[in-house]
């Protein structure tokens, strides 16, 4: 049985399970596809009188809760940057530290994100903890850490990771994986006996937050969204609720 209405058509297949499929703009969509996936969020709420007035502290509380639940890579975040043509790009990086000054991550300064930050020193990071039905969005200016701070973190990395950071021309085209392996082999022949120093083209960044949003999934898509924005003098935070 086929029913048509405008650009949509509905095809009902009479099978044992009476599976229903839709024809959407010429694409058959099975009832078991992601088109129909739904989840009702009912685990937590987010109320103004129960959150910290300092969004950094509120983030700390949520991060600690995620760690207590032993979620996979709780410090993984999506970092978005924009190039000089206003084209955005995103990737997953790891949060390595945070305080009232901002959020710290490390990368190759000559990578795509590094070059975009150099051209346009603003970005956004997003944390998503689906097991807790929570998101945190953070936006702000990005600046480099000083060499001492970058050196301190680089020295904590395993030797293999330090070598990889040195030999990999991040975001540049290479012929094959063997090319990287050969570079590692060649570097190993001249491996310093005392210390592997951080290269100048690798180091840390600090994202200084100007906007932080805490998102808590709620029933029937009426999610809670509390936003913290810096006042015009960039001294104190203003909290507001947004519609989902």
Protein backbone atom coordinates (compact mmCIF):
# COMPACT_ATOMS: atom_id res chain seq x y z
CA UNK A 1 0.00 0.00 0.00
CA UNK A 2 1.48 3.33 -1.10
CA UNK A 3 0.26 6.72 0.06
CA UNK A 4 1.60 9.97 -1.36
CA UNK A 5 1.53 13.42 0.17
CA UNK A 6 3.57 16.19 -1.43
CA UNK A 7 7.20 15.11 -1.75
CA UNK A 8 6.79 12.26 0.73
CA UNK A 9 5.51 8.76 0.15
CA UNK A 10 4.84 6.13 2.77
CA UNK A 11 5.33 2.48 1.91
CA UNK A 12 3.92 -0.07 4.31
CA UNK A 13 5.51 -3.51 3.89
CA UNK A 14 3.33 -6.27 5.24
CA UNK A 15 5.80 -8.69 6.78
CA UNK A 16 5.77 -10.78 9.90
CA UNK A 17 6.98 -7.82 11.97
CA UNK A 18 4.93 -5.33 9.94
CA UNK A 19 8.04 -3.22 9.41
CA UNK A 20 7.23 0.26 8.13
CA UNK A 21 9.53 2.13 5.75
CA UNK A 22 9.32 5.68 4.46
CA UNK A 23 10.38 6.99 1.10
CA UNK A 24 11.94 10.38 1.87
CA UNK A 25 13.08 12.39 -1.17
CA UNK A 26 13.74 9.18 -3.07
CA UNK A 27 15.55 7.42 -0.22
CA UNK A 28 14.08 4.35 1.37
CA UNK A 29 14.38 4.65 5.15
CA UNK A 30 14.01 1.47 7.14
CA UNK A 31 12.24 1.73 10.46
CA UNK A 32 15.35 0.34 12.19
CA UNK A 33 17.63 3.03 10.73
CA UNK A 34 19.02 6.05 12.58
CA UNK A 35 16.18 8.11 11.09
CA UNK A 36 13.92 6.64 13.76
CA UNK A 37 16.36 6.35 16.65
CA UNK A 38 15.00 7.99 19.79
CA UNK A 39 16.11 8.17 23.40
CA UNK A 40 14.32 9.89 26.24
CA UNK A 41 16.68 11.63 28.67
CA UNK A 42 15.55 11.18 32.26
CA UNK A 43 18.68 10.77 34.40
CA UNK A 44 19.32 14.28 35.73
CA UNK A 45 18.05 17.85 35.90
CA UNK A 46 19.85 21.20 35.82
CA UNK A 47 18.44 23.91 38.07
CA UNK A 48 19.67 27.45 38.63
CA UNK A 49 19.70 27.14 42.40
CA UNK A 50 21.79 23.97 42.32
CA UNK A 51 24.68 25.00 40.08
CA UNK A 52 27.82 26.91 40.98
CA UNK A 53 27.84 30.57 39.99
CA UNK A 54 31.38 29.97 38.77
CA UNK A 55 31.12 27.98 35.51
CA UNK A 56 34.68 26.68 35.88
CA UNK A 57 33.71 25.16 39.21
CA UNK A 58 30.54 23.75 37.70
CA UNK A 59 32.62 22.17 34.94
CA UNK A 60 34.91 20.68 37.56
CA UNK A 61 31.94 19.10 39.33
CA UNK A 62 30.60 17.56 36.12
CA UNK A 63 34.03 16.32 35.06
CA UNK A 64 34.61 14.70 38.45
CA UNK A 65 31.22 13.02 38.24
CA UNK A 66 32.08 11.69 34.79
CA UNK A 67 35.37 10.35 36.17
CA UNK A 68 33.58 8.64 39.06
CA UNK A 69 31.42 6.83 36.52
CA UNK A 70 34.63 5.73 34.77
CA UNK A 71 33.44 7.00 31.42
CA UNK A 72 35.72 6.39 28.45
CA UNK A 73 38.14 9.29 27.91
CA UNK A 74 36.19 11.87 29.88
CA UNK A 75 38.74 14.53 28.86
CA UNK A 76 38.11 14.07 25.14
CA UNK A 77 36.68 17.20 23.55
CA UNK A 78 35.78 18.40 20.09
CA UNK A 79 37.87 21.46 19.20
CA UNK A 80 36.55 23.70 16.42
CA UNK A 81 38.59 26.39 14.70
CA UNK A 82 38.01 28.65 11.70
CA UNK A 83 40.41 29.55 8.88
CA UNK A 84 40.89 32.90 7.17
CA UNK A 85 38.05 32.10 4.75
CA UNK A 86 35.65 31.53 7.68
CA UNK A 87 35.52 27.79 7.02
CA UNK A 88 35.29 25.76 10.24
CA UNK A 89 37.04 22.50 11.02
CA UNK A 90 36.69 20.19 14.01
CA UNK A 91 38.64 17.35 15.60
CA UNK A 92 38.87 15.49 18.90
CA UNK A 93 41.70 16.48 21.23
CA UNK A 94 42.34 15.85 24.91
CA UNK A 95 41.93 18.35 27.71
CA UNK A 96 45.10 18.26 29.80
CA UNK A 97 44.45 20.91 32.44
CA UNK A 98 42.03 23.67 33.38
CA UNK A 99 41.60 26.39 35.98
CA UNK A 100 40.00 29.84 36.20
CA UNK A 101 42.32 31.01 33.42
CA UNK A 102 41.05 28.49 30.90
CA UNK A 103 41.36 25.11 29.25
CA UNK A 104 44.66 23.60 28.09
CA UNK A 105 45.43 21.27 25.18
CA UNK A 106 48.58 20.42 23.23
CA UNK A 107 49.30 19.92 19.55
CA UNK A 108 51.60 20.67 16.64
CA UNK A 109 51.66 24.41 15.96
CA UNK A 110 52.05 23.67 12.22
CA UNK A 111 48.98 21.41 12.07
CA UNK A 112 45.78 22.61 10.45
CA UNK A 113 44.31 23.67 13.78
CA UNK A 114 47.56 25.39 14.74
CA UNK A 115 47.66 27.38 11.52
CA UNK A 116 43.98 28.30 11.85
CA UNK A 117 44.47 29.45 15.44
CA UNK A 118 47.41 31.57 14.28
CA UNK A 119 45.17 33.26 11.69
CA UNK A 120 42.04 33.45 13.82
CA UNK A 121 42.77 33.00 17.55
CA UNK A 122 39.27 31.99 18.61
CA UNK A 123 37.73 28.57 19.02
CA UNK A 124 35.10 26.39 20.61
CA UNK A 125 35.35 23.13 22.52
CA UNK A 126 32.60 20.64 23.22
CA UNK A 127 32.45 17.85 25.80
CA UNK A 128 29.81 15.14 25.39
CA UNK A 129 29.18 12.56 28.10
CA UNK A 130 26.27 10.50 26.71
CA UNK A 131 26.14 8.16 29.70
CA UNK A 132 25.24 11.18 31.86
CA UNK A 133 23.19 12.80 29.07
CA UNK A 134 25.31 15.95 29.30
CA UNK A 135 27.18 18.38 27.09
CA UNK A 136 29.39 21.38 27.86
CA UNK A 137 30.10 24.03 25.22
CA UNK A 138 32.93 26.50 25.75
CA UNK A 139 33.93 29.38 23.46
CA UNK A 140 36.73 31.90 23.72
CA UNK A 141 40.07 33.24 22.63
CA UNK A 142 43.04 30.90 22.24
CA UNK A 143 46.63 31.74 23.07
CA UNK A 144 49.87 29.77 23.24
CA UNK A 145 51.28 28.57 26.53
CA UNK A 146 54.80 29.69 27.35
CA UNK A 147 57.71 27.41 26.50
CA UNK A 148 58.26 26.36 30.11
CA UNK A 149 54.71 25.06 30.45
CA UNK A 150 54.90 23.23 27.13
CA UNK A 151 58.26 21.70 28.07
CA UNK A 152 56.88 20.48 31.39
CA UNK A 153 54.03 18.62 29.72
CA UNK A 154 56.14 17.28 26.86
CA UNK A 155 58.51 15.68 29.36
CA UNK A 156 55.62 13.69 30.88
CA UNK A 157 54.80 11.97 27.58
CA UNK A 158 56.07 8.45 26.92
CA UNK A 159 59.27 8.37 24.88
CA UNK A 160 57.47 6.93 21.85
CA UNK A 161 54.89 9.73 21.93
CA UNK A 162 57.61 12.38 22.14
CA UNK A 163 59.35 10.86 19.12
CA UNK A 164 56.08 10.75 17.18
CA UNK A 165 55.50 14.44 17.91
CA UNK A 166 58.95 15.24 16.56
CA UNK A 167 58.93 13.19 13.34
CA UNK A 168 55.29 13.61 12.26
CA UNK A 169 54.60 16.60 9.97
CA UNK A 170 51.06 16.81 11.30
CA UNK A 171 48.31 17.57 8.76
CA UNK A 172 50.75 17.44 5.82
CA UNK A 173 50.41 14.90 3.02
CA UNK A 174 52.68 11.86 3.15
CA UNK A 175 53.17 8.99 0.70
CA UNK A 176 52.39 6.16 3.09
CA UNK A 177 52.68 5.01 6.69
CA UNK A 178 56.08 3.49 6.03
CA UNK A 179 57.39 7.01 5.53
CA UNK A 180 56.63 7.78 9.17
CA UNK A 181 58.08 4.49 10.34
CA UNK A 182 61.29 5.25 8.46
CA UNK A 183 61.53 8.65 10.10
CA UNK A 184 61.17 7.04 13.51
CA UNK A 185 63.90 4.53 12.63
CA UNK A 186 66.24 7.28 11.46
CA UNK A 187 65.55 9.34 14.56
CA UNK A 188 66.31 6.30 16.69
CA UNK A 189 69.81 6.11 15.22
CA UNK A 190 70.56 9.58 16.59
CA UNK A 191 68.44 9.27 19.73
CA UNK A 192 69.85 11.46 22.49
CA UNK A 193 71.12 9.44 25.43
CA UNK A 194 69.90 11.91 28.04
CA UNK A 195 66.70 13.71 26.99
CA UNK A 196 64.36 14.16 24.04
CA UNK A 197 63.57 17.86 23.91
CA UNK A 198 60.32 19.37 22.78
CA UNK A 199 60.50 20.78 19.23
CA UNK A 200 59.65 24.45 18.78
CA UNK A 201 56.71 23.56 16.52
CA UNK A 202 54.88 21.59 19.22
CA UNK A 203 53.31 22.89 22.40
CA UNK A 204 50.28 23.97 24.35
CA UNK A 205 47.35 26.30 23.95
CA UNK A 206 45.01 27.92 26.45
CA UNK A 207 41.39 28.58 25.52
CA UNK A 208 40.19 31.49 27.66
CA UNK A 209 36.43 31.06 28.12
CA UNK A 210 34.01 33.87 27.36
CA UNK A 211 30.95 31.66 27.00
CA UNK A 212 30.09 28.36 28.70
CA UNK A 213 26.91 26.37 28.25
CA UNK A 214 25.83 23.40 30.35
CA UNK A 215 23.34 21.11 28.64
CA UNK A 216 21.41 18.43 30.47
CA UNK A 217 19.20 16.10 28.50
CA UNK A 218 15.58 16.04 29.69
CA UNK A 219 12.40 14.17 28.90
CA UNK A 220 10.57 14.83 25.60
CA UNK A 221 13.45 16.99 24.29
CA UNK A 222 12.75 19.78 26.80
CA UNK A 223 16.42 19.89 27.72
CA UNK A 224 17.96 22.15 30.36
CA UNK A 225 20.44 24.74 29.04
CA UNK A 226 22.20 27.12 31.39
CA UNK A 227 24.58 29.63 29.83
CA UNK A 228 27.33 31.67 31.48
CA UNK A 229 28.59 34.76 29.64
CA UNK A 230 31.15 37.30 30.78
CA UNK A 231 29.81 40.75 31.51
CA UNK A 232 30.98 43.67 29.30
CA UNK A 233 33.89 44.34 31.67
CA UNK A 234 34.85 40.64 31.57
CA UNK A 235 34.93 40.55 35.36
CA UNK A 236 31.97 38.43 36.40
CA UNK A 237 29.74 35.77 34.87
CA UNK A 238 26.07 36.24 33.98
CA UNK A 239 23.91 33.10 34.07
CA UNK A 240 20.85 32.72 31.84
CA UNK A 241 18.57 29.90 30.75
CA UNK A 242 18.07 29.11 27.06
CA UNK A 243 15.15 27.31 25.45
CA UNK A 244 16.05 23.83 24.20
